[in-house]
């Protein structure tokens, strides 16, 4: 059982069922499914999303800081992030980009591991031994298309 589930069970002093918790959450304006509530009470759950934590906090009267601590989430600030007033100047595309940056920051292990994997792949391809011989290199040079001229250099002659 997880620390979050233990806290939820200890806070459920009225012995509310998962269906009652979900119904009460819906009455308070949250969308909490009874199956989700049951999984959190049993300890059979993943990382909770913010709306689930808020619903459980209101129904079971547990402070968000305690819930986040039990879920191993940051608990210093429990209010939603509010961007500065200047953010009203952002267009729709810029706002989506900022939202995506925030989401990426909340899942650093996934993004970081993907970048490391990509970097390792590039390093491996650069470090691969070159097995081409002079004969194959000359043959490849004859069949390769002529290279484009670089800035300020003369264009190669046409064959």
N, C-alpha and C. Protein backbone atom coordinates (compact mmCIF):
# COMPACT_ATOMS: atom_id res chain seq x y z
N UNK A 1 0.84 -1.18 0.00
CA UNK A 1 0.00 0.00 0.00
C UNK A 1 0.89 1.24 0.00
N UNK A 2 0.44 2.29 -0.67
CA UNK A 2 1.22 3.51 -0.78
C UNK A 2 0.95 4.44 0.40
N UNK A 3 1.84 5.40 0.59
CA UNK A 3 1.67 6.38 1.65
C UNK A 3 0.41 7.21 1.42
N UNK A 4 0.12 7.49 0.15
CA UNK A 4 -1.09 8.26 -0.18
C UNK A 4 -2.33 7.48 0.22
N UNK A 5 -2.38 6.20 -0.10
CA UNK A 5 -3.54 5.38 0.26
C UNK A 5 -3.71 5.27 1.76
N UNK A 6 -2.60 5.12 2.47
CA UNK A 6 -2.67 5.06 3.93
C UNK A 6 -3.23 6.35 4.50
N UNK A 7 -2.79 7.48 3.96
CA UNK A 7 -3.30 8.78 4.43
C UNK A 7 -4.79 8.90 4.12
N UNK A 8 -5.20 8.49 2.93
CA UNK A 8 -6.62 8.59 2.56
C UNK A 8 -7.48 7.70 3.45
N UNK A 9 -7.02 6.49 3.73
CA UNK A 9 -7.78 5.60 4.60
C UNK A 9 -7.86 6.15 6.03
N UNK A 10 -6.75 6.71 6.52
CA UNK A 10 -6.75 7.29 7.87
C UNK A 10 -7.66 8.51 7.94
N UNK A 11 -7.75 9.25 6.85
CA UNK A 11 -8.58 10.47 6.82
C UNK A 11 -10.05 10.15 6.59
N UNK A 12 -10.36 8.96 6.16
CA UNK A 12 -11.73 8.55 5.89
C UNK A 12 -12.38 8.06 7.19
N UNK A 13 -12.50 8.95 8.15
CA UNK A 13 -13.01 8.60 9.48
C UNK A 13 -14.49 8.18 9.44
N UNK A 14 -15.22 8.66 8.46
CA UNK A 14 -16.64 8.32 8.36
C UNK A 14 -16.85 7.01 7.62
N UNK A 15 -15.76 6.34 7.22
CA UNK A 15 -15.82 5.07 6.47
C UNK A 15 -16.68 5.19 5.21
N UNK A 16 -16.46 6.25 4.46
CA UNK A 16 -17.20 6.46 3.22
C UNK A 16 -16.76 5.45 2.18
N UNK A 17 -17.71 4.96 1.40
CA UNK A 17 -17.38 4.05 0.31
C UNK A 17 -16.82 4.86 -0.86
N UNK A 18 -16.21 4.17 -1.80
CA UNK A 18 -15.65 4.85 -2.99
C UNK A 18 -16.77 5.53 -3.77
N UNK A 19 -17.94 4.90 -3.84
CA UNK A 19 -19.07 5.50 -4.55
C UNK A 19 -19.55 6.78 -3.85
N UNK A 20 -19.56 6.77 -2.53
CA UNK A 20 -19.98 7.96 -1.78
C UNK A 20 -18.96 9.08 -1.95
N UNK A 21 -17.69 8.73 -1.94
CA UNK A 21 -16.63 9.73 -2.14
C UNK A 21 -16.78 10.35 -3.53
N UNK A 22 -16.99 9.51 -4.54
CA UNK A 22 -17.14 10.02 -5.91
C UNK A 22 -18.40 10.88 -6.04
N UNK A 23 -19.50 10.44 -5.44
CA UNK A 23 -20.75 11.21 -5.51
C UNK A 23 -20.58 12.57 -4.83
N UNK A 24 -19.96 12.58 -3.67
CA UNK A 24 -19.74 13.84 -2.95
C UNK A 24 -18.82 14.76 -3.76
N UNK A 25 -17.80 14.19 -4.38
CA UNK A 25 -16.89 14.98 -5.21
C UNK A 25 -17.65 15.61 -6.37
N UNK A 26 -18.53 14.85 -7.01
CA UNK A 26 -19.33 15.40 -8.12
C UNK A 26 -20.25 16.53 -7.63
N UNK A 27 -20.81 16.36 -6.43
CA UNK A 27 -21.67 17.41 -5.87
C UNK A 27 -20.88 18.70 -5.61
N UNK A 28 -19.57 18.54 -5.33
CA UNK A 28 -18.70 19.70 -5.10
C UNK A 28 -18.12 20.28 -6.40
N UNK A 29 -18.48 19.66 -7.53
CA UNK A 29 -18.03 20.19 -8.82
C UNK A 29 -16.82 19.49 -9.42
N UNK A 30 -16.40 18.38 -8.84
CA UNK A 30 -15.26 17.62 -9.38
C UNK A 30 -15.78 16.44 -10.19
N UNK A 31 -14.94 15.91 -11.05
CA UNK A 31 -15.34 14.72 -11.81
C UNK A 31 -14.43 13.57 -11.36
N UNK A 32 -14.87 12.88 -10.32
CA UNK A 32 -14.13 11.76 -9.77
C UNK A 32 -14.97 10.50 -9.92
N UNK A 33 -14.43 9.52 -10.60
CA UNK A 33 -15.11 8.25 -10.82
C UNK A 33 -14.97 7.39 -9.58
N UNK A 34 -15.97 6.58 -9.29
CA UNK A 34 -15.91 5.73 -8.09
C UNK A 34 -14.79 4.69 -8.20
N UNK A 35 -14.51 4.23 -9.41
CA UNK A 35 -13.42 3.26 -9.59
C UNK A 35 -12.07 3.91 -9.27
N UNK A 36 -11.91 5.16 -9.67
CA UNK A 36 -10.67 5.89 -9.36
C UNK A 36 -10.52 6.06 -7.86
N UNK A 37 -11.60 6.45 -7.19
CA UNK A 37 -11.56 6.61 -5.74
C UNK A 37 -11.21 5.28 -5.06
N UNK A 38 -11.76 4.19 -5.55
CA UNK A 38 -11.49 2.88 -4.97
C UNK A 38 -10.02 2.49 -5.15
N UNK A 39 -9.47 2.78 -6.33
CA UNK A 39 -8.05 2.45 -6.56
C UNK A 39 -7.14 3.23 -5.63
N UNK A 40 -7.46 4.49 -5.38
CA UNK A 40 -6.63 5.29 -4.46
C UNK A 40 -6.76 4.80 -3.02
N UNK A 41 -7.93 4.37 -2.64
CA UNK A 41 -8.11 3.85 -1.28
C UNK A 41 -7.39 2.50 -1.10
N UNK A 42 -7.36 1.68 -2.15
CA UNK A 42 -6.70 0.37 -2.09
C UNK A 42 -5.19 0.46 -2.23
N UNK A 43 -4.69 1.52 -2.86
CA UNK A 43 -3.26 1.62 -3.11
C UNK A 43 -2.87 1.11 -4.47
N UNK A 44 -3.84 0.89 -5.32
CA UNK A 44 -3.62 0.39 -6.67
C UNK A 44 -3.77 1.56 -7.66
N UNK A 45 -2.81 2.48 -7.61
CA UNK A 45 -2.94 3.69 -8.43
C UNK A 45 -1.56 4.14 -8.90
N UNK A 46 -1.55 5.03 -9.86
CA UNK A 46 -0.31 5.63 -10.33
C UNK A 46 -0.13 7.00 -9.71
N UNK A 47 0.59 7.87 -10.41
CA UNK A 47 0.78 9.24 -9.93
C UNK A 47 -0.54 9.99 -10.11
N UNK A 48 -1.05 10.58 -9.05
CA UNK A 48 -2.35 11.25 -9.14
C UNK A 48 -2.27 12.56 -9.92
N UNK A 49 -3.34 12.85 -10.64
CA UNK A 49 -3.39 14.16 -11.30
C UNK A 49 -3.95 15.18 -10.31
N UNK A 50 -3.83 16.42 -10.69
CA UNK A 50 -4.19 17.51 -9.76
C UNK A 50 -5.68 17.50 -9.41
N UNK A 51 -6.55 17.24 -10.39
CA UNK A 51 -7.99 17.27 -10.12
C UNK A 51 -8.40 16.15 -9.16
N UNK A 52 -7.75 14.99 -9.25
CA UNK A 52 -8.06 13.90 -8.33
C UNK A 52 -7.64 14.27 -6.91
N UNK A 53 -6.45 14.83 -6.77
CA UNK A 53 -5.99 15.26 -5.44
C UNK A 53 -6.92 16.32 -4.85
N UNK A 54 -7.35 17.27 -5.67
CA UNK A 54 -8.23 18.32 -5.18
C UNK A 54 -9.57 17.74 -4.73
N UNK A 55 -10.11 16.80 -5.50
CA UNK A 55 -11.38 16.19 -5.13
C UNK A 55 -11.25 15.42 -3.82
N UNK A 56 -10.20 14.62 -3.70
CA UNK A 56 -10.00 13.86 -2.47
C UNK A 56 -9.75 14.78 -1.28
N UNK A 57 -9.04 15.88 -1.52
CA UNK A 57 -8.77 16.85 -0.46
C UNK A 57 -10.07 17.45 0.08
N UNK A 58 -10.97 17.85 -0.82
CA UNK A 58 -12.22 18.47 -0.40
C UNK A 58 -13.16 17.48 0.28
N UNK A 59 -13.28 16.28 -0.29
CA UNK A 59 -14.23 15.31 0.25
C UNK A 59 -13.77 14.78 1.61
N UNK A 60 -12.48 14.43 1.72
CA UNK A 60 -11.98 13.84 2.97
C UNK A 60 -11.39 14.88 3.92
N UNK A 61 -11.42 16.14 3.50
CA UNK A 61 -10.93 17.27 4.32
C UNK A 61 -9.47 17.06 4.76
N UNK A 62 -8.63 16.78 3.76
CA UNK A 62 -7.19 16.61 3.97
C UNK A 62 -6.50 17.76 3.26
N UNK A 63 -5.58 18.47 3.92
CA UNK A 63 -4.88 19.57 3.25
C UNK A 63 -4.08 19.05 2.04
N UNK A 64 -4.05 19.87 0.99
CA UNK A 64 -3.32 19.51 -0.22
C UNK A 64 -1.83 19.27 0.05
N UNK A 65 -1.26 20.00 1.00
CA UNK A 65 0.16 19.79 1.29
C UNK A 65 0.42 18.37 1.78
N UNK A 66 -0.49 17.85 2.62
CA UNK A 66 -0.34 16.48 3.11
C UNK A 66 -0.51 15.46 1.99
N UNK A 67 -1.51 15.70 1.14
CA UNK A 67 -1.73 14.77 0.03
C UNK A 67 -0.53 14.75 -0.92
N UNK A 68 -0.02 15.92 -1.24
CA UNK A 68 1.13 15.97 -2.15
C UNK A 68 2.37 15.35 -1.52
N UNK A 69 2.56 15.56 -0.24
CA UNK A 69 3.70 14.94 0.43
C UNK A 69 3.59 13.42 0.37
N UNK A 70 2.39 12.91 0.66
CA UNK A 70 2.18 11.46 0.63
C UNK A 70 2.34 10.90 -0.78
N UNK A 71 2.02 11.71 -1.80
CA UNK A 71 2.14 11.27 -3.19
C UNK A 71 3.53 11.54 -3.76
N UNK A 72 4.44 12.03 -2.92
CA UNK A 72 5.82 12.37 -3.34
C UNK A 72 5.82 13.41 -4.45
N UNK A 73 4.97 14.42 -4.29
CA UNK A 73 4.89 15.54 -5.23
C UNK A 73 5.32 16.81 -4.52
N UNK A 74 5.75 17.84 -5.27
CA UNK A 74 6.10 19.11 -4.63
C UNK A 74 4.91 19.65 -3.84
N UNK A 75 5.19 20.14 -2.62
CA UNK A 75 4.08 20.56 -1.77
C UNK A 75 4.21 21.99 -1.24
N UNK A 76 5.21 22.74 -1.71
CA UNK A 76 5.38 24.10 -1.18
C UNK A 76 4.22 25.01 -1.55
N UNK A 77 3.79 24.94 -2.80
CA UNK A 77 2.71 25.80 -3.29
C UNK A 77 1.59 24.90 -3.78
N UNK A 78 0.41 25.11 -3.25
CA UNK A 78 -0.70 24.24 -3.65
C UNK A 78 -1.71 24.96 -4.54
N UNK A 79 -1.51 26.23 -4.79
CA UNK A 79 -2.41 26.97 -5.67
C UNK A 79 -1.93 26.85 -7.11
N UNK A 80 -2.84 26.91 -8.07
CA UNK A 80 -2.42 26.83 -9.48
C UNK A 80 -1.48 27.99 -9.85
N UNK A 81 -0.58 27.73 -10.77
CA UNK A 81 0.36 28.75 -11.25
C UNK A 81 -0.41 29.82 -12.02
N UNK A 82 -0.10 31.05 -11.71
CA UNK A 82 -0.71 32.17 -12.41
C UNK A 82 0.40 32.95 -13.09
N UNK A 83 0.36 33.03 -14.42
CA UNK A 83 1.42 33.75 -15.13
C UNK A 83 1.35 35.24 -14.85
N UNK A 84 2.44 35.97 -15.11
CA UNK A 84 2.43 37.42 -14.89
C UNK A 84 1.45 38.12 -15.83
N UNK A 85 1.10 39.35 -15.49
CA UNK A 85 0.10 40.11 -16.26
C UNK A 85 0.51 40.28 -17.72
N UNK A 86 1.81 40.35 -17.99
CA UNK A 86 2.28 40.54 -19.36
C UNK A 86 1.93 39.37 -20.26
N UNK A 87 1.58 38.22 -19.67
CA UNK A 87 1.26 37.06 -20.48
C UNK A 87 0.00 37.26 -21.32
N UNK A 88 -0.79 38.28 -21.00
CA UNK A 88 -1.99 38.55 -21.80
C UNK A 88 -1.61 39.00 -23.21
N UNK A 89 -0.36 39.36 -23.44
CA UNK A 89 0.10 39.77 -24.77
C UNK A 89 0.45 38.58 -25.66
N UNK A 90 0.49 37.39 -25.09
CA UNK A 90 0.85 36.21 -25.88
C UNK A 90 -0.30 35.82 -26.81
N UNK A 91 0.06 35.37 -28.01
CA UNK A 91 -0.98 34.88 -28.90
C UNK A 91 -1.26 33.41 -28.58
N UNK A 92 -2.21 32.81 -29.27
CA UNK A 92 -2.63 31.45 -28.97
C UNK A 92 -1.48 30.45 -29.11
N UNK A 93 -0.69 30.60 -30.17
CA UNK A 93 0.43 29.68 -30.40
C UNK A 93 1.47 29.78 -29.28
N UNK A 94 1.77 31.00 -28.84
CA UNK A 94 2.73 31.21 -27.77
C UNK A 94 2.21 30.63 -26.45
N UNK A 95 0.93 30.79 -26.20
CA UNK A 95 0.34 30.25 -24.97
C UNK A 95 0.43 28.73 -24.95
N UNK A 96 0.17 28.10 -26.11
CA UNK A 96 0.28 26.64 -26.18
C UNK A 96 1.72 26.20 -25.94
N UNK A 97 2.68 27.00 -26.44
CA UNK A 97 4.10 26.67 -26.24
C UNK A 97 4.46 26.75 -24.76
N UNK A 98 3.99 27.78 -24.08
CA UNK A 98 4.26 27.92 -22.64
C UNK A 98 3.62 26.77 -21.88
N UNK A 99 2.39 26.42 -22.24
CA UNK A 99 1.72 25.28 -21.59
C UNK A 99 2.52 24.00 -21.79
N UNK A 100 3.06 23.81 -22.99
CA UNK A 100 3.84 22.60 -23.27
C UNK A 100 5.15 22.59 -22.49
N UNK A 101 5.77 23.76 -22.31
CA UNK A 101 6.99 23.84 -21.50
C UNK A 101 6.69 23.46 -20.06
N UNK A 102 5.57 23.93 -19.54
CA UNK A 102 5.18 23.59 -18.17
C UNK A 102 4.96 22.09 -18.04
N UNK A 103 4.26 21.49 -19.01
CA UNK A 103 4.04 20.04 -18.97
C UNK A 103 5.35 19.27 -19.04
N UNK A 104 6.26 19.75 -19.88
CA UNK A 104 7.57 19.08 -20.02
C UNK A 104 8.36 19.17 -18.72
N UNK A 105 8.24 20.28 -18.02
CA UNK A 105 8.96 20.44 -16.75
C UNK A 105 8.38 19.53 -15.67
N UNK A 106 7.12 19.19 -15.78
CA UNK A 106 6.49 18.31 -14.79
C UNK A 106 6.82 16.85 -15.02
N UNK A 107 7.36 16.52 -16.18
CA UNK A 107 7.75 15.15 -16.48
C UNK A 107 9.20 15.12 -16.94
N UNK A 108 10.14 15.52 -16.06
CA UNK A 108 11.54 15.62 -16.50
C UNK A 108 12.19 14.29 -16.81
N UNK A 109 11.80 13.23 -16.16
CA UNK A 109 12.47 11.95 -16.40
C UNK A 109 12.17 11.42 -17.79
N UNK A 110 10.96 11.59 -18.26
CA UNK A 110 10.61 11.10 -19.59
C UNK A 110 11.36 11.88 -20.66
N UNK A 111 11.33 13.20 -20.59
CA UNK A 111 12.00 14.02 -21.60
C UNK A 111 13.51 13.85 -21.52
N UNK A 112 14.05 13.80 -20.32
CA UNK A 112 15.50 13.68 -20.16
C UNK A 112 16.00 12.33 -20.66
N UNK A 113 15.26 11.27 -20.38
CA UNK A 113 15.72 9.95 -20.82
C UNK A 113 15.65 9.83 -22.33
N UNK A 114 14.67 10.47 -22.95
CA UNK A 114 14.56 10.45 -24.41
C UNK A 114 15.74 11.18 -25.04
N UNK A 115 16.10 12.34 -24.47
CA UNK A 115 17.23 13.10 -25.00
C UNK A 115 18.52 12.32 -24.84
N UNK A 116 18.72 11.67 -23.71
CA UNK A 116 19.93 10.89 -23.49
C UNK A 116 19.99 9.74 -24.48
N UNK A 117 18.86 9.09 -24.73
CA UNK A 117 18.83 7.99 -25.69
C UNK A 117 19.20 8.49 -27.08
N UNK A 118 18.64 9.64 -27.48
CA UNK A 118 18.95 10.20 -28.79
C UNK A 118 20.42 10.56 -28.89
N UNK A 119 20.96 11.19 -27.83
CA UNK A 119 22.37 11.56 -27.84
C UNK A 119 23.27 10.33 -27.90
N UNK A 120 22.92 9.29 -27.17
CA UNK A 120 23.72 8.07 -27.19
C UNK A 120 23.72 7.45 -28.59
N UNK A 121 22.57 7.50 -29.25
CA UNK A 121 22.48 6.97 -30.61
C UNK A 121 23.37 7.74 -31.57
N UNK A 122 23.40 9.07 -31.44
CA UNK A 122 24.25 9.89 -32.30
C UNK A 122 25.71 9.63 -32.01
N UNK A 123 26.05 9.50 -30.73
CA UNK A 123 27.44 9.24 -30.36
C UNK A 123 27.88 7.88 -30.89
N UNK A 124 27.00 6.91 -30.81
CA UNK A 124 27.35 5.56 -31.27
C UNK A 124 27.59 5.55 -32.77
N UNK A 125 26.76 6.30 -33.53
CA UNK A 125 26.95 6.31 -34.97
C UNK A 125 28.24 7.04 -35.35
N UNK A 126 28.62 8.07 -34.60
CA UNK A 126 29.86 8.78 -34.88
C UNK A 126 31.07 7.95 -34.48
N UNK A 127 30.92 7.14 -33.43
CA UNK A 127 32.04 6.36 -32.93
C UNK A 127 32.20 5.04 -33.67
N UNK A 128 31.27 4.70 -34.56
CA UNK A 128 31.36 3.43 -35.28
C UNK A 128 32.61 3.43 -36.16
N UNK A 129 33.33 2.32 -36.18
CA UNK A 129 34.55 2.27 -36.97
C UNK A 129 34.24 2.34 -38.46
N UNK A 130 35.10 3.03 -39.18
CA UNK A 130 34.93 3.17 -40.61
C UNK A 130 35.67 2.02 -41.27
N UNK A 131 34.95 1.21 -42.02
CA UNK A 131 35.54 0.02 -42.62
C UNK A 131 35.74 0.16 -44.12
N UNK A 132 35.47 1.32 -44.67
CA UNK A 132 35.61 1.50 -46.11
C UNK A 132 37.07 1.49 -46.50
N UNK A 133 37.37 0.84 -47.62
CA UNK A 133 38.74 0.80 -48.13
C UNK A 133 38.93 1.91 -49.14
N UNK A 134 40.17 2.11 -49.60
CA UNK A 134 40.44 3.14 -50.60
C UNK A 134 39.69 2.85 -51.89
N UNK A 135 39.61 1.61 -52.27
CA UNK A 135 38.93 1.24 -53.51
C UNK A 135 37.45 1.60 -53.45
N UNK A 136 36.80 1.27 -52.33
CA UNK A 136 35.38 1.58 -52.21
C UNK A 136 35.16 3.08 -52.09
N UNK A 137 36.09 3.79 -51.47
CA UNK A 137 35.98 5.24 -51.36
C UNK A 137 36.07 5.90 -52.72
N UNK A 138 37.00 5.44 -53.58
CA UNK A 138 37.15 6.02 -54.92
C UNK A 138 35.91 5.72 -55.75
N UNK A 139 35.38 4.51 -55.64
CA UNK A 139 34.18 4.14 -56.40
C UNK A 139 33.00 4.99 -55.95
N UNK A 140 32.89 5.23 -54.66
CA UNK A 140 31.79 6.04 -54.14
C UNK A 140 31.94 7.48 -54.61
N UNK A 141 33.15 7.98 -54.68
CA UNK A 141 33.39 9.35 -55.11
C UNK A 141 32.99 9.53 -56.56
N UNK A 142 33.23 8.52 -57.42
CA UNK A 142 32.89 8.62 -58.84
C UNK A 142 31.38 8.60 -59.04
N UNK A 143 30.66 7.80 -58.25
CA UNK A 143 29.21 7.68 -58.44
C UNK A 143 28.42 8.76 -57.70
N UNK A 144 29.05 9.44 -56.76
CA UNK A 144 28.34 10.47 -55.99
C UNK A 144 28.06 11.69 -56.86
N UNK A 145 26.96 12.35 -56.57
CA UNK A 145 26.60 13.56 -57.29
C UNK A 145 27.58 14.67 -56.91
N UNK A 146 27.83 15.60 -57.83
CA UNK A 146 28.74 16.69 -57.50
C UNK A 146 28.18 17.52 -56.36
N UNK A 147 29.07 18.01 -55.51
CA UNK A 147 28.67 18.81 -54.37
C UNK A 147 28.34 20.23 -54.82
N UNK A 148 27.40 20.85 -54.11
CA UNK A 148 27.04 22.23 -54.41
C UNK A 148 28.17 23.15 -53.97
N UNK A 149 28.27 24.27 -54.64
CA UNK A 149 29.32 25.23 -54.32
C UNK A 149 29.02 25.88 -52.99
N UNK A 150 30.06 26.09 -52.22
CA UNK A 150 29.90 26.82 -50.96
C UNK A 150 29.95 28.30 -51.25
N UNK A 151 29.57 29.03 -50.29
CA UNK A 151 29.53 30.48 -50.43
C UNK A 151 30.91 31.00 -50.81
N UNK A 152 30.99 31.69 -51.92
CA UNK A 152 32.25 32.29 -52.34
C UNK A 152 33.16 31.36 -53.11
N UNK A 153 32.81 30.08 -53.23
CA UNK A 153 33.67 29.17 -53.98
C UNK A 153 33.11 28.94 -55.38
N UNK A 154 33.93 28.42 -56.22
CA UNK A 154 33.55 28.19 -57.60
C UNK A 154 32.76 26.89 -57.67
N UNK A 155 31.73 26.90 -58.50
CA UNK A 155 30.92 25.70 -58.65
C UNK A 155 31.70 24.63 -59.35
N UNK A 156 31.56 23.35 -58.93
CA UNK A 156 32.31 22.29 -59.58
C UNK A 156 31.88 22.13 -61.06
N UNK A 157 32.81 21.69 -61.89
CA UNK A 157 32.48 21.55 -63.32
C UNK A 157 31.45 20.45 -63.53
N UNK A 158 30.58 20.65 -64.52
CA UNK A 158 29.59 19.64 -64.88
C UNK A 158 30.22 18.56 -65.71
N UNK A 159 29.87 17.33 -65.53
CA UNK A 159 30.43 16.20 -66.28
C UNK A 159 29.59 15.87 -67.46
